[in-house]
C-alpha cells in the first residue's frame, strides 16, 4: 500500500484488554485530528464483542469489521466513520446499520482492543 501512495501508513495495534484506556484514547484522538487535517485516510479494524452495542451490529455476536474514519467533532472526541456494510443487502445486519455515523473516541478505542487501526 505504501508503494502506491503519497502517504506512508503505520499500523497501531491495540492489545486485548487495553482498548478504552486513556493512553489509547488520547493517541487515537491525536492521530485522528492530525491525519484528517492532512487529508490522510484512517482505517479502523474493530472487534465488536458480544454484548456491546455498535451501529446495529447483532448484540449477541462477535463481529470483526473494518470501517473508515473520515472526520471528527469536539476536537477529536467524536469520530465520524463510514461503514461499508451500512444499508447493505449482502450483510444480514447491514440493512439496519448506518453507512455514515459517528461515535465517541472512547467507544472506538474500546472496539480496537485486540485489533487496532491504520493511519
N, C-alpha and C. Protein backbone atom coordinates (compact mmCIF):
# COMPACT_ATOMS: atom_id res chain seq x y z
N UNK A 1 0.83 -1.18 0.00
CA UNK A 1 0.00 0.00 0.00
C UNK A 1 0.88 1.25 0.00
N UNK A 2 1.94 1.26 0.79
CA UNK A 2 2.78 2.45 0.87
C UNK A 2 3.47 2.77 -0.46
N UNK A 3 3.76 1.75 -1.28
CA UNK A 3 4.47 1.96 -2.54
C UNK A 3 3.65 2.75 -3.55
N UNK A 4 2.34 2.73 -3.44
CA UNK A 4 1.46 3.38 -4.41
C UNK A 4 0.77 4.62 -3.86
N UNK A 5 1.28 5.17 -2.80
CA UNK A 5 0.61 6.29 -2.14
C UNK A 5 1.60 7.41 -1.83
N UNK A 6 1.07 8.62 -1.75
CA UNK A 6 1.92 9.73 -1.34
C UNK A 6 2.09 9.76 0.17
N UNK A 7 1.32 8.95 0.88
CA UNK A 7 1.41 8.86 2.33
C UNK A 7 2.10 7.56 2.74
N UNK A 8 2.68 7.56 3.89
CA UNK A 8 3.21 6.34 4.49
C UNK A 8 2.27 5.96 5.63
N UNK A 9 1.83 4.72 5.64
CA UNK A 9 0.86 4.28 6.63
C UNK A 9 1.54 3.47 7.72
N UNK A 10 0.99 3.56 8.92
CA UNK A 10 1.51 2.84 10.07
C UNK A 10 0.36 2.13 10.76
N UNK A 11 0.60 0.90 11.16
CA UNK A 11 -0.41 0.15 11.92
C UNK A 11 -0.21 0.44 13.40
N UNK A 12 -1.33 0.66 14.09
CA UNK A 12 -1.32 0.91 15.53
C UNK A 12 -2.15 -0.17 16.21
N UNK A 13 -1.52 -1.29 16.58
CA UNK A 13 -2.28 -2.34 17.26
C UNK A 13 -2.68 -1.91 18.66
N UNK A 14 -3.82 -2.39 19.09
CA UNK A 14 -4.29 -2.14 20.45
C UNK A 14 -4.39 -3.50 21.14
N UNK A 15 -3.55 -3.77 22.13
CA UNK A 15 -3.58 -5.07 22.79
C UNK A 15 -4.94 -5.36 23.41
N UNK A 16 -5.30 -6.63 23.41
CA UNK A 16 -6.56 -7.04 24.03
C UNK A 16 -6.57 -6.58 25.49
N UNK A 17 -7.67 -5.99 25.91
CA UNK A 17 -7.80 -5.51 27.28
C UNK A 17 -7.31 -4.08 27.48
N UNK A 18 -6.71 -3.48 26.45
CA UNK A 18 -6.18 -2.12 26.59
C UNK A 18 -7.05 -1.08 25.90
N UNK A 19 -7.98 -1.48 25.07
CA UNK A 19 -8.88 -0.53 24.42
C UNK A 19 -9.71 0.18 25.47
N UNK A 20 -9.92 1.44 25.28
CA UNK A 20 -10.68 2.21 26.24
C UNK A 20 -9.82 2.84 27.33
N UNK A 21 -8.54 2.48 27.40
CA UNK A 21 -7.64 3.12 28.37
C UNK A 21 -7.29 4.52 27.88
N UNK A 22 -7.08 5.42 28.80
CA UNK A 22 -6.88 6.83 28.44
C UNK A 22 -5.71 7.04 27.48
N UNK A 23 -4.63 6.29 27.61
CA UNK A 23 -3.49 6.45 26.70
C UNK A 23 -3.87 6.12 25.27
N UNK A 24 -4.67 5.07 25.08
CA UNK A 24 -5.10 4.68 23.74
C UNK A 24 -6.13 5.66 23.18
N UNK A 25 -7.00 6.15 24.03
CA UNK A 25 -7.99 7.14 23.59
C UNK A 25 -7.29 8.41 23.15
N UNK A 26 -6.37 8.90 23.97
CA UNK A 26 -5.65 10.14 23.65
C UNK A 26 -4.85 10.00 22.35
N UNK A 27 -4.18 8.86 22.16
CA UNK A 27 -3.42 8.64 20.92
C UNK A 27 -4.35 8.60 19.71
N UNK A 28 -5.50 7.95 19.85
CA UNK A 28 -6.48 7.89 18.76
C UNK A 28 -6.99 9.29 18.40
N UNK A 29 -7.29 10.09 19.40
CA UNK A 29 -7.77 11.46 19.17
C UNK A 29 -6.71 12.27 18.43
N UNK A 30 -5.48 12.23 18.89
CA UNK A 30 -4.39 13.00 18.26
C UNK A 30 -4.18 12.56 16.82
N UNK A 31 -4.11 11.24 16.58
CA UNK A 31 -3.90 10.76 15.21
C UNK A 31 -5.08 11.08 14.31
N UNK A 32 -6.29 10.98 14.85
CA UNK A 32 -7.48 11.30 14.04
C UNK A 32 -7.44 12.75 13.60
N UNK A 33 -7.24 13.66 14.53
CA UNK A 33 -7.22 15.09 14.20
C UNK A 33 -6.08 15.40 13.22
N UNK A 34 -4.88 14.92 13.52
CA UNK A 34 -3.74 15.20 12.64
C UNK A 34 -3.94 14.64 11.24
N UNK A 35 -4.36 13.39 11.15
CA UNK A 35 -4.47 12.75 9.84
C UNK A 35 -5.63 13.31 9.02
N UNK A 36 -6.76 13.56 9.65
CA UNK A 36 -7.89 14.15 8.92
C UNK A 36 -7.52 15.54 8.42
N UNK A 37 -6.83 16.32 9.24
CA UNK A 37 -6.42 17.66 8.82
C UNK A 37 -5.42 17.63 7.66
N UNK A 38 -4.71 16.51 7.50
CA UNK A 38 -3.78 16.33 6.38
C UNK A 38 -4.43 15.59 5.21
N UNK A 39 -5.75 15.36 5.28
CA UNK A 39 -6.48 14.59 4.26
C UNK A 39 -5.93 13.18 4.10
N UNK A 40 -5.46 12.60 5.18
CA UNK A 40 -4.90 11.25 5.18
C UNK A 40 -5.96 10.30 5.74
N UNK A 41 -6.28 9.23 5.01
CA UNK A 41 -7.32 8.32 5.49
C UNK A 41 -6.87 7.48 6.68
N UNK A 42 -7.83 7.09 7.49
CA UNK A 42 -7.60 6.17 8.60
C UNK A 42 -8.55 5.00 8.44
N UNK A 43 -8.05 3.80 8.66
CA UNK A 43 -8.87 2.60 8.63
C UNK A 43 -8.88 1.98 10.00
N UNK A 44 -10.05 1.65 10.46
CA UNK A 44 -10.25 1.15 11.81
C UNK A 44 -10.65 -0.32 11.75
N UNK A 45 -9.87 -1.17 12.38
CA UNK A 45 -10.12 -2.61 12.41
C UNK A 45 -10.77 -2.93 13.75
N UNK A 46 -12.08 -3.05 13.76
CA UNK A 46 -12.79 -3.17 15.03
C UNK A 46 -13.17 -4.62 15.33
N UNK A 47 -13.34 -4.86 16.61
CA UNK A 47 -13.85 -6.13 17.13
C UNK A 47 -15.01 -5.77 18.04
N UNK A 48 -16.21 -5.88 17.50
CA UNK A 48 -17.42 -5.60 18.28
C UNK A 48 -17.73 -6.88 19.03
N UNK A 49 -17.46 -6.87 20.32
CA UNK A 49 -17.65 -8.07 21.14
C UNK A 49 -19.12 -8.28 21.49
N UNK A 50 -19.49 -9.53 21.69
CA UNK A 50 -20.87 -9.86 22.07
C UNK A 50 -21.26 -9.04 23.29
N UNK A 51 -22.45 -8.48 23.25
CA UNK A 51 -22.95 -7.68 24.36
C UNK A 51 -22.80 -6.18 24.15
N UNK A 52 -21.85 -5.77 23.30
CA UNK A 52 -21.67 -4.35 23.01
C UNK A 52 -22.65 -3.91 21.93
N UNK A 53 -23.05 -2.66 21.99
CA UNK A 53 -23.96 -2.08 21.01
C UNK A 53 -23.17 -1.13 20.12
N UNK A 54 -23.18 -1.39 18.80
CA UNK A 54 -22.48 -0.51 17.86
C UNK A 54 -23.10 -0.61 16.48
N UNK A 55 -23.62 0.48 15.96
CA UNK A 55 -24.13 0.63 14.60
C UNK A 55 -24.98 -0.55 14.12
N UNK A 56 -25.91 -0.98 14.92
CA UNK A 56 -26.90 -2.01 14.58
C UNK A 56 -26.30 -3.40 14.34
N UNK A 57 -25.05 -3.62 14.76
CA UNK A 57 -24.48 -4.96 14.65
C UNK A 57 -25.16 -5.85 15.68
N UNK A 58 -25.35 -7.15 15.38
CA UNK A 58 -26.02 -8.04 16.33
C UNK A 58 -25.33 -8.03 17.69
N UNK A 59 -26.11 -7.81 18.74
CA UNK A 59 -25.55 -7.68 20.09
C UNK A 59 -24.98 -8.99 20.62
N UNK A 60 -25.53 -10.11 20.21
CA UNK A 60 -25.14 -11.39 20.78
C UNK A 60 -23.95 -12.04 20.11
N UNK A 61 -23.31 -11.37 19.16
CA UNK A 61 -22.20 -11.99 18.42
C UNK A 61 -20.97 -11.10 18.39
N UNK A 62 -19.82 -11.74 18.29
CA UNK A 62 -18.59 -11.00 17.99
C UNK A 62 -18.58 -10.70 16.50
N UNK A 63 -18.21 -9.48 16.13
CA UNK A 63 -18.12 -9.07 14.73
C UNK A 63 -16.74 -8.45 14.52
N UNK A 64 -16.01 -8.96 13.54
CA UNK A 64 -14.73 -8.38 13.14
C UNK A 64 -15.00 -7.61 11.85
N UNK A 65 -14.59 -6.34 11.82
CA UNK A 65 -15.07 -5.48 10.74
C UNK A 65 -14.13 -4.29 10.55
N UNK A 66 -14.04 -3.78 9.33
CA UNK A 66 -13.27 -2.58 9.02
C UNK A 66 -14.22 -1.42 8.78
N UNK A 67 -13.89 -0.25 9.29
CA UNK A 67 -14.62 0.98 8.98
C UNK A 67 -13.59 2.06 8.65
N UNK A 68 -14.02 3.06 7.92
CA UNK A 68 -13.14 4.18 7.58
C UNK A 68 -13.48 5.38 8.46
N UNK A 69 -12.46 6.00 9.02
CA UNK A 69 -12.62 7.23 9.78
C UNK A 69 -12.42 8.38 8.80
N UNK A 70 -13.40 9.27 8.71
CA UNK A 70 -13.28 10.34 7.73
C UNK A 70 -13.46 11.75 8.30
N UNK A 71 -13.70 11.88 9.59
CA UNK A 71 -13.88 13.21 10.16
C UNK A 71 -13.98 13.15 11.68
N UNK A 72 -14.12 14.32 12.27
CA UNK A 72 -14.23 14.39 13.73
C UNK A 72 -14.98 15.64 14.14
N UNK A 73 -15.44 15.64 15.39
CA UNK A 73 -16.05 16.81 16.04
C UNK A 73 -15.45 16.88 17.43
N UNK A 74 -15.72 17.96 18.12
CA UNK A 74 -15.31 18.12 19.52
C UNK A 74 -13.82 17.82 19.72
N UNK A 75 -12.99 18.39 18.82
CA UNK A 75 -11.53 18.24 18.92
C UNK A 75 -11.08 16.79 18.89
N UNK A 76 -11.83 15.93 18.21
CA UNK A 76 -11.46 14.53 18.06
C UNK A 76 -12.13 13.59 19.03
N UNK A 77 -12.91 14.11 19.96
CA UNK A 77 -13.59 13.24 20.93
C UNK A 77 -14.79 12.51 20.33
N UNK A 78 -15.33 13.04 19.24
CA UNK A 78 -16.39 12.37 18.47
C UNK A 78 -15.82 12.12 17.08
N UNK A 79 -15.88 10.88 16.62
CA UNK A 79 -15.22 10.48 15.38
C UNK A 79 -16.27 10.02 14.36
N UNK A 80 -16.21 10.61 13.16
CA UNK A 80 -17.10 10.23 12.06
C UNK A 80 -16.53 9.01 11.36
N UNK A 81 -17.40 8.06 11.01
CA UNK A 81 -16.93 6.88 10.30
C UNK A 81 -17.89 6.50 9.18
N UNK A 82 -17.34 5.79 8.19
CA UNK A 82 -18.13 5.21 7.11
C UNK A 82 -18.08 3.70 7.29
N UNK A 83 -19.25 3.07 7.28
CA UNK A 83 -19.35 1.62 7.46
C UNK A 83 -19.72 1.00 6.11
N UNK A 84 -18.83 0.21 5.50
CA UNK A 84 -19.14 -0.36 4.20
C UNK A 84 -20.33 -1.31 4.22
N UNK A 85 -20.71 -1.81 5.37
CA UNK A 85 -21.88 -2.70 5.47
C UNK A 85 -23.18 -1.92 5.66
N UNK A 86 -23.10 -0.62 5.87
CA UNK A 86 -24.29 0.20 6.12
C UNK A 86 -25.28 0.14 4.97
N UNK A 87 -26.52 -0.19 5.30
CA UNK A 87 -27.63 -0.31 4.34
C UNK A 87 -27.38 -1.36 3.26
N UNK A 88 -26.47 -2.30 3.52
CA UNK A 88 -26.13 -3.33 2.55
C UNK A 88 -27.13 -4.48 2.60
N UNK A 89 -27.52 -4.94 1.44
CA UNK A 89 -28.40 -6.11 1.34
C UNK A 89 -27.60 -7.41 1.45
N UNK A 90 -26.27 -7.32 1.41
CA UNK A 90 -25.42 -8.50 1.40
C UNK A 90 -24.89 -8.89 2.77
N UNK A 91 -25.15 -8.07 3.76
CA UNK A 91 -24.75 -8.36 5.13
C UNK A 91 -26.03 -8.43 5.95
N UNK A 92 -26.23 -9.52 6.67
CA UNK A 92 -27.50 -9.76 7.36
C UNK A 92 -27.96 -8.57 8.20
N UNK A 93 -27.07 -7.97 8.95
CA UNK A 93 -27.43 -6.84 9.82
C UNK A 93 -27.24 -5.50 9.13
N UNK A 94 -26.70 -5.50 7.91
CA UNK A 94 -26.38 -4.26 7.21
C UNK A 94 -27.57 -3.35 6.94
N UNK A 95 -28.74 -3.94 6.74
CA UNK A 95 -29.90 -3.10 6.41
C UNK A 95 -30.27 -2.14 7.52
N UNK A 96 -29.85 -2.44 8.75
CA UNK A 96 -30.14 -1.55 9.88
C UNK A 96 -28.98 -0.61 10.21
N UNK A 97 -27.79 -0.93 9.72
CA UNK A 97 -26.60 -0.14 10.04
C UNK A 97 -26.57 1.13 9.20
N UNK A 98 -26.11 2.19 9.81
CA UNK A 98 -25.97 3.46 9.10
C UNK A 98 -24.66 3.45 8.30
N UNK A 99 -24.69 3.88 7.04
CA UNK A 99 -23.45 3.91 6.27
C UNK A 99 -22.49 5.02 6.74
N UNK A 100 -23.05 6.09 7.29
CA UNK A 100 -22.23 7.20 7.82
C UNK A 100 -22.77 7.57 9.19
N UNK A 101 -21.88 7.58 10.17
CA UNK A 101 -22.31 7.91 11.52
C UNK A 101 -21.11 8.42 12.30
N UNK A 102 -21.26 8.53 13.61
CA UNK A 102 -20.14 8.92 14.45
C UNK A 102 -20.26 8.21 15.80
N UNK A 103 -19.15 8.15 16.49
CA UNK A 103 -19.10 7.53 17.81
C UNK A 103 -18.03 8.26 18.63
N UNK A 104 -18.04 8.03 19.92
CA UNK A 104 -17.03 8.64 20.78
C UNK A 104 -15.68 7.96 20.62
N UNK A 105 -14.62 8.73 20.82
CA UNK A 105 -13.27 8.17 20.73
C UNK A 105 -13.07 7.05 21.75
N UNK A 106 -13.68 7.18 22.92
CA UNK A 106 -13.53 6.13 23.94
C UNK A 106 -14.19 4.83 23.48
N UNK A 107 -15.35 4.91 22.84
CA UNK A 107 -16.04 3.72 22.33
C UNK A 107 -15.23 3.08 21.20
N UNK A 108 -14.71 3.91 20.29
CA UNK A 108 -13.93 3.37 19.19
C UNK A 108 -12.64 2.73 19.70
N UNK A 109 -12.02 3.33 20.69
CA UNK A 109 -10.83 2.74 21.29
C UNK A 109 -11.15 1.38 21.91
N UNK A 110 -12.30 1.28 22.54
CA UNK A 110 -12.73 0.00 23.12
C UNK A 110 -12.91 -1.04 22.02
N UNK A 111 -13.45 -0.64 20.88
CA UNK A 111 -13.66 -1.56 19.75
C UNK A 111 -12.35 -1.97 19.09
N UNK A 112 -11.29 -1.19 19.27
CA UNK A 112 -9.98 -1.53 18.72
C UNK A 112 -9.27 -2.62 19.52
N UNK A 113 -9.68 -2.88 20.74
CA UNK A 113 -8.98 -3.82 21.62
C UNK A 113 -8.82 -5.18 20.95
N UNK A 114 -7.60 -5.64 20.87
CA UNK A 114 -7.30 -6.90 20.23
C UNK A 114 -7.12 -6.75 18.72
N UNK A 115 -7.32 -5.56 18.19
CA UNK A 115 -7.20 -5.28 16.75
C UNK A 115 -6.33 -4.03 16.58
N UNK A 116 -6.92 -2.90 16.24
CA UNK A 116 -6.17 -1.66 16.08
C UNK A 116 -6.66 -0.83 14.92
N UNK A 117 -5.78 0.01 14.39
CA UNK A 117 -6.15 0.86 13.26
C UNK A 117 -4.90 1.20 12.45
N UNK A 118 -5.14 1.68 11.24
CA UNK A 118 -4.06 2.08 10.33
C UNK A 118 -4.22 3.56 10.05
N UNK A 119 -3.14 4.29 10.22
CA UNK A 119 -3.16 5.74 9.97
C UNK A 119 -1.94 6.12 9.15
